């Protein structure tokens, strides 16, 4: 009885078995030379960890800037010597402005008492004949009020004859956001450059593997193996390099975060900032692993496409 052609299920099973075999054999060959494999994986891991670290720094900076941006309260210092009733009348007028949520009057006596309690100079301040501090309005604008509107509000307040100084700290937030945007674009450029570097490293490593197995490849081709059959183990080798490099990068990020978390929290605590630092999350880890696998596969494919054609049986 004549044997029929293999069914589609059998061909699919055979195809999966070949891929699993090539994947396992590629990993076994890498583990057989641990020194070279570890060195290559470390180079790949460092290249992947650098842009990931910069991205974490920018993310924390943006979160920190966002926390400060929410603290939009500003102070209006009145001219010294004014009656408290004048300050209360001005506060009522400011409450009627568009985009103002709350206005709090801080009297000169309350400000002096708070300053004396915080500075430890209560005895020296008690010897003063007059209170040198002015009445102050603490103004809280709406979150929807943009920076140009705040600056316009500052000009309107300064036009008041009883207002001496209007302190609005928005320029430093704008500068910080501009710096963070510049750093974000630098992270993208750095990631592109280092990914190309990973592709080159993997491609050069695969090229050396092809040269060292030239005789074996020629024999396999003489037996009728297709280019896809010969190419497949090298592609899995590149993927494994990407996986191992990603693991090294994750290890570097975890160790770096563990070493720097304590000093960073202490520094923020000195500035009375309660904003928690963002560490390595699952999204970043998956993106890092995906970038490593794609870069490893791309490097292996580029090397195989260039050098495998030159290996032909004679």
C-alpha atoms as a PDB file:
ATOM      1  CA  UNK A   1       0.000   0.000   0.000  1.00  0.00           C
ATOM      2  CA  UNK A   2       1.435   3.378  -1.029  1.00  0.00           C
ATOM      3  CA  UNK A   3       2.091   5.779   1.788  1.00  0.00           C
ATOM      4  CA  UNK A   4       0.191   9.056   1.389  1.00  0.00           C
ATOM      5  CA  UNK A   5       1.486  12.560   1.964  1.00  0.00           C
ATOM      6  CA  UNK A   6       1.754  13.709   5.581  1.00  0.00           C
ATOM      7  CA  UNK A   7      -1.290  15.479   6.880  1.00  0.00           C
ATOM      8  CA  UNK A   8      -1.246  19.148   7.746  1.00  0.00           C
ATOM      9  CA  UNK A   9      -1.329  18.307  11.447  1.00  0.00           C
ATOM     10  CA  UNK A  10       1.717  16.062  11.090  1.00  0.00           C
ATOM     11  CA  UNK A  11       3.618  18.715   9.169  1.00  0.00           C
ATOM     12  CA  UNK A  12       2.763  21.314  11.795  1.00  0.00           C
ATOM     13  CA  UNK A  13       3.858  18.957  14.576  1.00  0.00           C
ATOM     14  CA  UNK A  14       7.132  18.294  12.766  1.00  0.00           C
ATOM     15  CA  UNK A  15       7.678  22.016  12.232  1.00  0.00           C
ATOM     16  CA  UNK A  16       7.141  22.721  15.945  1.00  0.00           C
ATOM     17  CA  UNK A  17       9.484  19.878  16.922  1.00  0.00           C
ATOM     18  CA  UNK A  18      12.235  21.302  14.708  1.00  0.00           C
ATOM     19  CA  UNK A  19      11.862  24.756  16.243  1.00  0.00           C
ATOM     20  CA  UNK A  20      11.907  23.389  19.787  1.00  0.00           C
ATOM     21  CA  UNK A  21      14.966  21.285  18.979  1.00  0.00           C
ATOM     22  CA  UNK A  22      16.822  24.249  17.438  1.00  0.00           C
ATOM     23  CA  UNK A  23      15.873  26.489  20.376  1.00  0.00           C
ATOM     24  CA  UNK A  24      17.109  24.001  22.983  1.00  0.00           C
ATOM     25  CA  UNK A  25      20.275  23.129  21.052  1.00  0.00           C
ATOM     26  CA  UNK A  26      21.128  26.838  20.630  1.00  0.00           C
ATOM     27  CA  UNK A  27      20.821  27.419  24.355  1.00  0.00           C
ATOM     28  CA  UNK A  28      22.895  24.312  25.083  1.00  0.00           C
ATOM     29  CA  UNK A  29      25.667  25.535  22.799  1.00  0.00           C
ATOM     30  CA  UNK A  30      25.696  28.946  24.516  1.00  0.00           C
ATOM     31  CA  UNK A  31      25.907  27.320  27.947  1.00  0.00           C
ATOM     32  CA  UNK A  32      28.759  25.149  26.701  1.00  0.00           C
ATOM     33  CA  UNK A  33      30.920  28.280  26.364  1.00  0.00           C
ATOM     34  CA  UNK A  34      29.913  30.272  29.491  1.00  0.00           C
ATOM     35  CA  UNK A  35      32.762  32.776  29.355  1.00  0.00           C
ATOM     36  CA  UNK A  36      32.027  34.074  25.868  1.00  0.00           C
ATOM     37  CA  UNK A  37      28.279  33.939  26.437  1.00  0.00           C
ATOM     38  CA  UNK A  38      28.472  35.853  29.716  1.00  0.00           C
ATOM     39  CA  UNK A  39      30.708  38.527  28.200  1.00  0.00           C
ATOM     40  CA  UNK A  40      28.394  39.061  25.229  1.00  0.00           C
ATOM     41  CA  UNK A  41      25.288  39.063  27.432  1.00  0.00           C
ATOM     42  CA  UNK A  42      26.904  41.599  29.779  1.00  0.00           C
ATOM     43  CA  UNK A  43      27.694  43.972  26.918  1.00  0.00           C
ATOM     44  CA  UNK A  44      24.124  43.658  25.661  1.00  0.00           C
ATOM     45  CA  UNK A  45      22.738  44.119  29.180  1.00  0.00           C
ATOM     46  CA  UNK A  46      24.709  47.314  29.775  1.00  0.00           C
ATOM     47  CA  UNK A  47      23.577  48.706  26.422  1.00  0.00           C
ATOM     48  CA  UNK A  48      19.935  47.956  27.298  1.00  0.00           C
ATOM     49  CA  UNK A  49      20.172  49.162  30.894  1.00  0.00           C
ATOM     50  CA  UNK A  50      21.505  52.638  30.061  1.00  0.00           C
ATOM     51  CA  UNK A  51      18.431  53.990  28.234  1.00  0.00           C
ATOM     52  CA  UNK A  52      16.138  52.205  30.693  1.00  0.00           C
ATOM     53  CA  UNK A  53      17.910  53.944  33.582  1.00  0.00           C
ATOM     54  CA  UNK A  54      17.639  57.333  31.897  1.00  0.00           C
ATOM     55  CA  UNK A  55      13.955  56.686  31.251  1.00  0.00           C
ATOM     56  CA  UNK A  56      13.364  55.917  34.941  1.00  0.00           C
ATOM     57  CA  UNK A  57      15.153  59.138  35.914  1.00  0.00           C
ATOM     58  CA  UNK A  58      13.018  61.179  33.523  1.00  0.00           C
ATOM     59  CA  UNK A  59       9.826  59.473  34.754  1.00  0.00           C
ATOM     60  CA  UNK A  60      10.677  60.277  38.359  1.00  0.00           C
ATOM     61  CA  UNK A  61      11.551  63.836  37.393  1.00  0.00           C
ATOM     62  CA  UNK A  62       8.229  64.266  35.615  1.00  0.00           C
ATOM     63  CA  UNK A  63       6.351  62.870  38.618  1.00  0.00           C
ATOM     64  CA  UNK A  64       8.240  65.207  40.908  1.00  0.00           C
ATOM     65  CA  UNK A  65       7.568  68.188  38.647  1.00  0.00           C
ATOM     66  CA  UNK A  66       3.916  67.232  38.505  1.00  0.00           C
ATOM     67  CA  UNK A  67       3.696  67.226  42.295  1.00  0.00           C
ATOM     68  CA  UNK A  68       5.249  70.676  42.460  1.00  0.00           C
ATOM     69  CA  UNK A  69       3.047  71.899  39.656  1.00  0.00           C
ATOM     70  CA  UNK A  70       0.007  71.063  41.763  1.00  0.00           C
ATOM     71  CA  UNK A  71       1.275  73.386  44.495  1.00  0.00           C
ATOM     72  CA  UNK A  72       0.208  76.499  42.631  1.00  0.00           C
ATOM     73  CA  UNK A  73      -0.516  78.672  45.653  1.00  0.00           C
ATOM     74  CA  UNK A  74       1.160  82.061  45.520  1.00  0.00           C
ATOM     75  CA  UNK A  75       1.627  84.869  47.992  1.00  0.00           C
ATOM     76  CA  UNK A  76       0.574  88.527  47.751  1.00  0.00           C
ATOM     77  CA  UNK A  77       2.517  90.746  50.157  1.00  0.00           C
ATOM     78  CA  UNK A  78       0.838  94.051  50.970  1.00  0.00           C
ATOM     79  CA  UNK A  79       2.597  97.265  51.792  1.00  0.00           C
ATOM     80  CA  UNK A  80       3.784  97.412  55.430  1.00  0.00           C
ATOM     81  CA  UNK A  81       1.702  99.372  57.915  1.00  0.00           C
ATOM     82  CA  UNK A  82      -1.716  98.820  56.300  1.00  0.00           C
ATOM     83  CA  UNK A  83      -4.787  98.049  58.369  1.00  0.00           C
ATOM     84  CA  UNK A  84      -6.043  94.473  58.433  1.00  0.00           C
ATOM     85  CA  UNK A  85      -9.383  95.647  57.043  1.00  0.00           C
ATOM     86  CA  UNK A  86      -7.600  96.764  53.851  1.00  0.00           C
ATOM     87  CA  UNK A  87      -6.148  93.273  53.426  1.00  0.00           C
ATOM     88  CA  UNK A  88      -9.569  91.680  53.971  1.00  0.00           C
ATOM     89  CA  UNK A  89     -11.180  93.991  51.397  1.00  0.00           C
ATOM     90  CA  UNK A  90      -8.491  93.158  48.832  1.00  0.00           C
ATOM     91  CA  UNK A  91      -8.990  89.464  49.562  1.00  0.00           C
ATOM     92  CA  UNK A  92     -12.698  89.824  48.814  1.00  0.00           C
ATOM     93  CA  UNK A  93     -11.877  91.546  45.513  1.00  0.00           C
ATOM     94  CA  UNK A  94      -9.380  88.826  44.536  1.00  0.00           C
ATOM     95  CA  UNK A  95     -11.939  86.097  45.263  1.00  0.00           C
ATOM     96  CA  UNK A  96     -14.110  87.635  42.546  1.00  0.00           C
ATOM     97  CA  UNK A  97     -11.374  87.142  39.922  1.00  0.00           C
ATOM     98  CA  UNK A  98     -11.871  84.366  37.397  1.00  0.00           C
ATOM     99  CA  UNK A  99      -9.940  81.176  38.142  1.00  0.00           C
ATOM    100  CA  UNK A 100      -9.463  81.809  41.866  1.00  0.00           C
ATOM    101  CA  UNK A 101     -10.540  79.016  44.204  1.00  0.00           C
ATOM    102  CA  UNK A 102      -9.519  80.341  47.602  1.00  0.00           C
ATOM    103  CA  UNK A 103      -7.915  83.390  49.221  1.00  0.00           C
ATOM    104  CA  UNK A 104      -6.610  83.253  52.791  1.00  0.00           C
ATOM    105  CA  UNK A 105      -5.583  86.331  54.764  1.00  0.00           C
ATOM    106  CA  UNK A 106      -2.503  85.941  56.957  1.00  0.00           C
ATOM    107  CA  UNK A 107      -2.231  88.890  59.293  1.00  0.00           C
ATOM    108  CA  UNK A 108       1.102  90.461  60.126  1.00  0.00           C
ATOM    109  CA  UNK A 109       0.760  89.409  63.782  1.00  0.00           C
ATOM    110  CA  UNK A 110       0.101  85.770  62.812  1.00  0.00           C
ATOM    111  CA  UNK A 111       3.044  85.779  60.393  1.00  0.00           C
ATOM    112  CA  UNK A 112       5.333  87.224  63.060  1.00  0.00           C
ATOM    113  CA  UNK A 113       4.218  84.639  65.626  1.00  0.00           C
ATOM    114  CA  UNK A 114       4.815  81.812  63.150  1.00  0.00           C
ATOM    115  CA  UNK A 115       8.227  83.189  62.241  1.00  0.00           C
ATOM    116  CA  UNK A 116       9.189  83.524  65.893  1.00  0.00           C
ATOM    117  CA  UNK A 117       8.159  79.936  66.651  1.00  0.00           C
ATOM    118  CA  UNK A 118      10.032  78.534  63.679  1.00  0.00           C
ATOM    119  CA  UNK A 119      13.211  80.585  63.892  1.00  0.00           C
ATOM    120  CA  UNK A 120      13.852  80.490  67.626  1.00  0.00           C
ATOM    121  CA  UNK A 121      14.205  84.302  67.703  1.00  0.00           C
ATOM    122  CA  UNK A 122      11.155  84.973  69.843  1.00  0.00           C
ATOM    123  CA  UNK A 123      13.076  87.048  72.430  1.00  0.00           C
ATOM    124  CA  UNK A 124      14.765  89.197  69.799  1.00  0.00           C
ATOM    125  CA  UNK A 125      11.506  89.792  67.932  1.00  0.00           C
ATOM    126  CA  UNK A 126       9.718  90.691  71.170  1.00  0.00           C
ATOM    127  CA  UNK A 127      12.141  93.590  71.606  1.00  0.00           C
ATOM    128  CA  UNK A 128      10.969  95.214  68.344  1.00  0.00           C
ATOM    129  CA  UNK A 129       8.741  98.294  68.660  1.00  0.00           C
ATOM    130  CA  UNK A 130       6.821  97.604  65.457  1.00  0.00           C
ATOM    131  CA  UNK A 131       5.942  94.512  63.447  1.00  0.00           C
ATOM    132  CA  UNK A 132       8.105  94.628  60.300  1.00  0.00           C
ATOM    133  CA  UNK A 133       6.059  91.997  58.470  1.00  0.00           C
ATOM    134  CA  UNK A 134       3.160  92.934  56.161  1.00  0.00           C
ATOM    135  CA  UNK A 135      -0.253  91.365  55.816  1.00  0.00           C
ATOM    136  CA  UNK A 136      -0.223  88.540  53.258  1.00  0.00           C
ATOM    137  CA  UNK A 137      -2.787  86.972  50.974  1.00  0.00           C
ATOM    138  CA  UNK A 138      -2.349  83.290  50.183  1.00  0.00           C
ATOM    139  CA  UNK A 139      -4.079  82.756  46.833  1.00  0.00           C
ATOM    140  CA  UNK A 140      -4.963  79.346  45.411  1.00  0.00           C
ATOM    141  CA  UNK A 141      -5.785  79.420  41.684  1.00  0.00           C
ATOM    142  CA  UNK A 142      -7.767  76.755  39.871  1.00  0.00           C
ATOM    143  CA  UNK A 143      -5.832  73.814  38.432  1.00  0.00           C
ATOM    144  CA  UNK A 144      -7.118  74.712  34.972  1.00  0.00           C
ATOM    145  CA  UNK A 145      -5.511  78.152  35.107  1.00  0.00           C
ATOM    146  CA  UNK A 146      -2.578  78.141  32.687  1.00  0.00           C
ATOM    147  CA  UNK A 147       0.768  79.823  33.268  1.00  0.00           C
ATOM    148  CA  UNK A 148      -0.016  82.825  30.986  1.00  0.00           C
ATOM    149  CA  UNK A 149      -3.222  83.414  32.949  1.00  0.00           C
ATOM    150  CA  UNK A 150      -1.229  83.315  36.197  1.00  0.00           C
ATOM    151  CA  UNK A 151       1.202  85.864  34.830  1.00  0.00           C
ATOM    152  CA  UNK A 152      -1.713  88.096  33.787  1.00  0.00           C
ATOM    153  CA  UNK A 153      -3.151  87.731  37.279  1.00  0.00           C
ATOM    154  CA  UNK A 154       0.223  88.736  38.731  1.00  0.00           C
ATOM    155  CA  UNK A 155       0.201  91.942  36.649  1.00  0.00           C
ATOM    156  CA  UNK A 156      -3.341  92.785  37.749  1.00  0.00           C
ATOM    157  CA  UNK A 157      -2.431  92.359  41.403  1.00  0.00           C
ATOM    158  CA  UNK A 158       0.693  94.464  41.094  1.00  0.00           C
ATOM    159  CA  UNK A 159      -1.442  97.283  39.726  1.00  0.00           C
ATOM    160  CA  UNK A 160      -3.229  97.463  43.078  1.00  0.00           C
ATOM    161  CA  UNK A 161      -1.821 100.401  45.122  1.00  0.00           C
ATOM    162  CA  UNK A 162      -1.774  98.375  48.334  1.00  0.00           C
ATOM    163  CA  UNK A 163       0.206  95.440  46.869  1.00  0.00           C
ATOM    164  CA  UNK A 164       3.959  95.422  47.276  1.00  0.00           C
ATOM    165  CA  UNK A 165       5.130  91.996  46.001  1.00  0.00           C
ATOM    166  CA  UNK A 166       3.401  89.098  44.210  1.00  0.00           C
ATOM    167  CA  UNK A 167       5.413  85.899  44.415  1.00  0.00           C
ATOM    168  CA  UNK A 168       4.455  83.293  41.802  1.00  0.00           C
ATOM    169  CA  UNK A 169       6.951  80.480  41.324  1.00  0.00           C
ATOM    170  CA  UNK A 170       5.969  79.119  37.912  1.00  0.00           C
ATOM    171  CA  UNK A 171       9.049  79.827  35.843  1.00  0.00           C
ATOM    172  CA  UNK A 172      11.146  77.136  37.513  1.00  0.00           C
ATOM    173  CA  UNK A 173       8.424  74.570  36.806  1.00  0.00           C
ATOM    174  CA  UNK A 174       8.478  75.553  33.138  1.00  0.00           C
ATOM    175  CA  UNK A 175      12.274  75.272  33.072  1.00  0.00           C
ATOM    176  CA  UNK A 176      12.158  71.874  34.756  1.00  0.00           C
ATOM    177  CA  UNK A 177       9.562  70.581  32.302  1.00  0.00           C
ATOM    178  CA  UNK A 178      11.678  71.850  29.394  1.00  0.00           C
ATOM    179  CA  UNK A 179      14.732  70.066  30.782  1.00  0.00           C
ATOM    180  CA  UNK A 180      12.749  66.857  31.231  1.00  0.00           C
ATOM    181  CA  UNK A 181      11.441  67.052  27.663  1.00  0.00           C
ATOM    182  CA  UNK A 182      15.013  67.453  26.428  1.00  0.00           C
ATOM    183  CA  UNK A 183      16.075  64.452  28.511  1.00  0.00           C
ATOM    184  CA  UNK A 184      13.158  62.421  27.151  1.00  0.00           C
ATOM    185  CA  UNK A 185      14.324  63.013  23.602  1.00  0.00           C
ATOM    186  CA  UNK A 186      17.881  62.194  24.621  1.00  0.00           C
ATOM    187  CA  UNK A 187      16.597  58.900  26.041  1.00  0.00           C
ATOM    188  CA  UNK A 188      14.977  58.075  22.691  1.00  0.00           C
ATOM    189  CA  UNK A 189      18.173  58.927  20.790  1.00  0.00           C
ATOM    190  CA  UNK A 190      20.280  56.954  23.271  1.00  0.00           C
ATOM    191  CA  UNK A 191      17.946  53.956  23.009  1.00  0.00           C
ATOM    192  CA  UNK A 192      18.155  53.970  19.216  1.00  0.00           C
ATOM    193  CA  UNK A 193      21.954  54.237  19.187  1.00  0.00           C
ATOM    194  CA  UNK A 194      22.462  51.531  21.808  1.00  0.00           C
ATOM    195  CA  UNK A 195      19.949  49.210  20.140  1.00  0.00           C
ATOM    196  CA  UNK A 196      21.948  49.529  16.934  1.00  0.00           C
ATOM    197  CA  UNK A 197      25.026  48.715  19.013  1.00  0.00           C
ATOM    198  CA  UNK A 198      23.350  45.554  20.327  1.00  0.00           C
ATOM    199  CA  UNK A 199      22.472  44.517  16.778  1.00  0.00           C
ATOM    200  CA  UNK A 200      26.090  45.015  15.734  1.00  0.00           C
ATOM    201  CA  UNK A 201      27.422  43.028  18.715  1.00  0.00           C
ATOM    202  CA  UNK A 202      25.047  40.118  18.123  1.00  0.00           C
ATOM    203  CA  UNK A 203      25.654  40.225  14.380  1.00  0.00           C
ATOM    204  CA  UNK A 204      29.414  40.076  14.823  1.00  0.00           C
ATOM    205  CA  UNK A 205      29.088  37.180  17.265  1.00  0.00           C
ATOM    206  CA  UNK A 206      26.843  35.240  14.878  1.00  0.00           C
ATOM    207  CA  UNK A 207      29.251  35.962  12.027  1.00  0.00           C
ATOM    208  CA  UNK A 208      32.054  34.339  14.007  1.00  0.00           C
ATOM    209  CA  UNK A 209      29.804  31.335  14.694  1.00  0.00           C
ATOM    210  CA  UNK A 210      29.080  30.984  10.988  1.00  0.00           C
ATOM    211  CA  UNK A 211      32.783  31.103  10.148  1.00  0.00           C
ATOM    212  CA  UNK A 212      33.644  28.520  12.800  1.00  0.00           C
ATOM    213  CA  UNK A 213      30.931  26.152  11.515  1.00  0.00           C
ATOM    214  CA  UNK A 214      31.613  26.669   7.833  1.00  0.00           C
ATOM    215  CA  UNK A 215      32.508  23.044   7.143  1.00  0.00           C
ATOM    216  CA  UNK A 216      29.426  21.791   8.971  1.00  0.00           C
ATOM    217  CA  UNK A 217      27.185  24.133   6.990  1.00  0.00           C
ATOM    218  CA  UNK A 218      28.699  22.993   3.689  1.00  0.00           C
ATOM    219  CA  UNK A 219      28.039  19.342   4.562  1.00  0.00           C
ATOM    220  CA  UNK A 220      24.456  20.067   5.578  1.00  0.00           C
ATOM    221  CA  UNK A 221      23.834  21.913   2.332  1.00  0.00           C
ATOM    222  CA  UNK A 222      25.327  19.017   0.361  1.00  0.00           C
ATOM    223  CA  UNK A 223      22.731  16.763   2.006  1.00  0.00           C
ATOM    224  CA  UNK A 224      19.974  19.027   0.650  1.00  0.00           C
ATOM    225  CA  UNK A 225      19.251  21.283   3.637  1.00  0.00           C
ATOM    226  CA  UNK A 226      17.461  24.528   2.755  1.00  0.00           C
ATOM    227  CA  UNK A 227      18.691  27.983   3.727  1.00  0.00           C
ATOM    228  CA  UNK A 228      15.855  28.238   6.247  1.00  0.00           C
ATOM    229  CA  UNK A 229      16.953  25.015   7.946  1.00  0.00           C
ATOM    230  CA  UNK A 230      20.543  26.278   8.203  1.00  0.00           C
ATOM    231  CA  UNK A 231      19.475  29.757   9.272  1.00  0.00           C
ATOM    232  CA  UNK A 232      17.146  28.727  12.083  1.00  0.00           C
ATOM    233  CA  UNK A 233      19.727  27.761  14.785  1.00  0.00           C
ATOM    234  CA  UNK A 234      21.602  31.043  14.347  1.00  0.00           C
ATOM    235  CA  UNK A 235      18.389  33.041  14.711  1.00  0.00           C
ATOM    236  CA  UNK A 236      17.601  31.255  17.958  1.00  0.00           C
ATOM    237  CA  UNK A 237      21.146  31.944  19.132  1.00  0.00           C
ATOM    238  CA  UNK A 238      20.543  35.663  18.553  1.00  0.00           C
ATOM    239  CA  UNK A 239      17.254  35.484  20.433  1.00  0.00           C
ATOM    240  CA  UNK A 240      18.925  33.762  23.379  1.00  0.00           C
ATOM    241  CA  UNK A 241      21.606  36.461  23.420  1.00  0.00           C
ATOM    242  CA  UNK A 242      18.810  39.033  23.618  1.00  0.00           C
ATOM    243  CA  UNK A 243      17.075  37.161  26.441  1.00  0.00           C
ATOM    244  CA  UNK A 244      20.273  36.781  28.462  1.00  0.00           C
ATOM    245  CA  UNK A 245      21.195  40.409  27.839  1.00  0.00           C
ATOM    246  CA  UNK A 246      17.744  41.499  29.033  1.00  0.00           C
ATOM    247  CA  UNK A 247      18.191  39.467  32.226  1.00  0.00           C
ATOM    248  CA  UNK A 248      21.544  41.167  32.838  1.00  0.00           C
ATOM    249  CA  UNK A 249      19.922  44.573  32.231  1.00  0.00           C
ATOM    250  CA  UNK A 250      17.095  43.807  34.678  1.00  0.00           C
ATOM    251  CA  UNK A 251      19.625  42.641  37.265  1.00  0.00           C
ATOM    252  CA  UNK A 252      21.594  45.877  36.850  1.00  0.00           C
ATOM    253  CA  UNK A 253      18.448  47.998  37.219  1.00  0.00           C
ATOM    254  CA  UNK A 254      17.270  46.117  40.311  1.00  0.00           C
ATOM    255  CA  UNK A 255      20.681  46.331  41.983  1.00  0.00           C
ATOM    256  CA  UNK A 256      21.068  49.996  41.033  1.00  0.00           C
ATOM    257  CA  UNK A 257      17.616  50.832  42.370  1.00  0.00           C
ATOM    258  CA  UNK A 258      18.355  48.990  45.608  1.00  0.00           C
ATOM    259  CA  UNK A 259      21.612  50.901  46.084  1.00  0.00           C
ATOM    260  CA  UNK A 260      20.202  54.344  45.238  1.00  0.00           C
ATOM    261  CA  UNK A 261      16.718  54.153  46.769  1.00  0.00           C
ATOM    262  CA  UNK A 262      17.868  54.916  50.323  1.00  0.00           C
ATOM    263  CA  UNK A 263      20.034  57.984  49.546  1.00  0.00           C
ATOM    264  CA  UNK A 264      17.419  59.312  47.106  1.00  0.00           C
ATOM    265  CA  UNK A 265      14.623  59.035  49.683  1.00  0.00           C
ATOM    266  CA  UNK A 266      16.856  60.726  52.250  1.00  0.00           C
ATOM    267  CA  UNK A 267      17.594  63.585  49.851  1.00  0.00           C
ATOM    268  CA  UNK A 268      13.904  64.096  49.098  1.00  0.00           C
ATOM    269  CA  UNK A 269      13.163  63.973  52.803  1.00  0.00           C
ATOM    270  CA  UNK A 270      15.577  66.845  53.434  1.00  0.00           C
ATOM    271  CA  UNK A 271      13.465  68.955  51.072  1.00  0.00           C
ATOM    272  CA  UNK A 272      10.239  67.760  52.743  1.00  0.00           C
ATOM    273  CA  UNK A 273       9.138  65.952  49.582  1.00  0.00           C
ATOM    274  CA  UNK A 274       6.938  62.920  50.162  1.00  0.00           C
ATOM    275  CA  UNK A 275       6.776  61.890  46.504  1.00  0.00           C
ATOM    276  CA  UNK A 276       7.576  58.181  46.226  1.00  0.00           C
ATOM    277  CA  UNK A 277      10.199  57.155  43.720  1.00  0.00           C
ATOM    278  CA  UNK A 278       9.144  55.088  40.745  1.00  0.00           C
ATOM    279  CA  UNK A 279      11.119  51.878  40.452  1.00  0.00           C
ATOM    280  CA  UNK A 280      11.268  49.162  37.845  1.00  0.00           C
ATOM    281  CA  UNK A 281       7.708  48.131  36.962  1.00  0.00           C
ATOM    282  CA  UNK A 282       6.380  45.249  34.920  1.00  0.00           C
ATOM    283  CA  UNK A 283       5.786  47.429  31.862  1.00  0.00           C
ATOM    284  CA  UNK A 284       9.405  48.573  31.770  1.00  0.00           C
ATOM    285  CA  UNK A 285      10.640  45.025  32.337  1.00  0.00           C
ATOM    286  CA  UNK A 286       8.527  43.664  29.475  1.00  0.00           C
ATOM    287  CA  UNK A 287       9.636  46.492  27.172  1.00  0.00           C
ATOM    288  CA  UNK A 288      13.251  45.788  28.073  1.00  0.00           C
ATOM    289  CA  UNK A 289      12.859  42.064  27.405  1.00  0.00           C
ATOM    290  CA  UNK A 290      11.099  42.728  24.107  1.00  0.00           C
ATOM    291  CA  UNK A 291      13.783  45.175  23.001  1.00  0.00           C
ATOM    292  CA  UNK A 292      16.498  42.649  23.845  1.00  0.00           C
ATOM    293  CA  UNK A 293      14.813  39.823  21.945  1.00  0.00           C
ATOM    294  CA  UNK A 294      14.117  41.980  18.882  1.00  0.00           C
ATOM    295  CA  UNK A 295      17.661  43.388  18.852  1.00  0.00           C
ATOM    296  CA  UNK A 296      19.161  39.908  19.218  1.00  0.00           C
ATOM    297  CA  UNK A 297      16.975  38.505  16.449  1.00  0.00           C
ATOM    298  CA  UNK A 298      17.725  41.491  14.215  1.00  0.00           C
ATOM    299  CA  UNK A 299      21.468  41.158  14.718  1.00  0.00           C
ATOM    300  CA  UNK A 300      21.364  37.430  13.980  1.00  0.00           C
ATOM    301  CA  UNK A 301      19.229  37.939  10.879  1.00  0.00           C
ATOM    302  CA  UNK A 302      21.515  40.632   9.480  1.00  0.00           C
ATOM    303  CA  UNK A 303      24.582  38.430  10.003  1.00  0.00           C
ATOM    304  CA  UNK A 304      22.963  35.347   8.526  1.00  0.00           C
ATOM    305  CA  UNK A 305      21.615  37.235   5.510  1.00  0.00           C
ATOM    306  CA  UNK A 306      25.059  38.636   4.717  1.00  0.00           C
ATOM    307  CA  UNK A 307      27.388  35.713   5.473  1.00  0.00           C
ATOM    308  CA  UNK A 308      25.381  32.517   5.027  1.00  0.00           C
ATOM    309  CA  UNK A 309      25.084  32.955   1.267  1.00  0.00           C
ATOM    310  CA  UNK A 310      28.865  32.972   0.980  1.00  0.00           C
ATOM    311  CA  UNK A 311      29.032  29.473   2.476  1.00  0.00           C
ATOM    312  CA  UNK A 312      28.362  27.161  -0.447  1.00  0.00           C
ATOM    313  CA  UNK A 313      29.406  23.524  -0.900  1.00  0.00           C
ATOM    314  CA  UNK A 314      32.259  23.034  -3.380  1.00  0.00           C
END
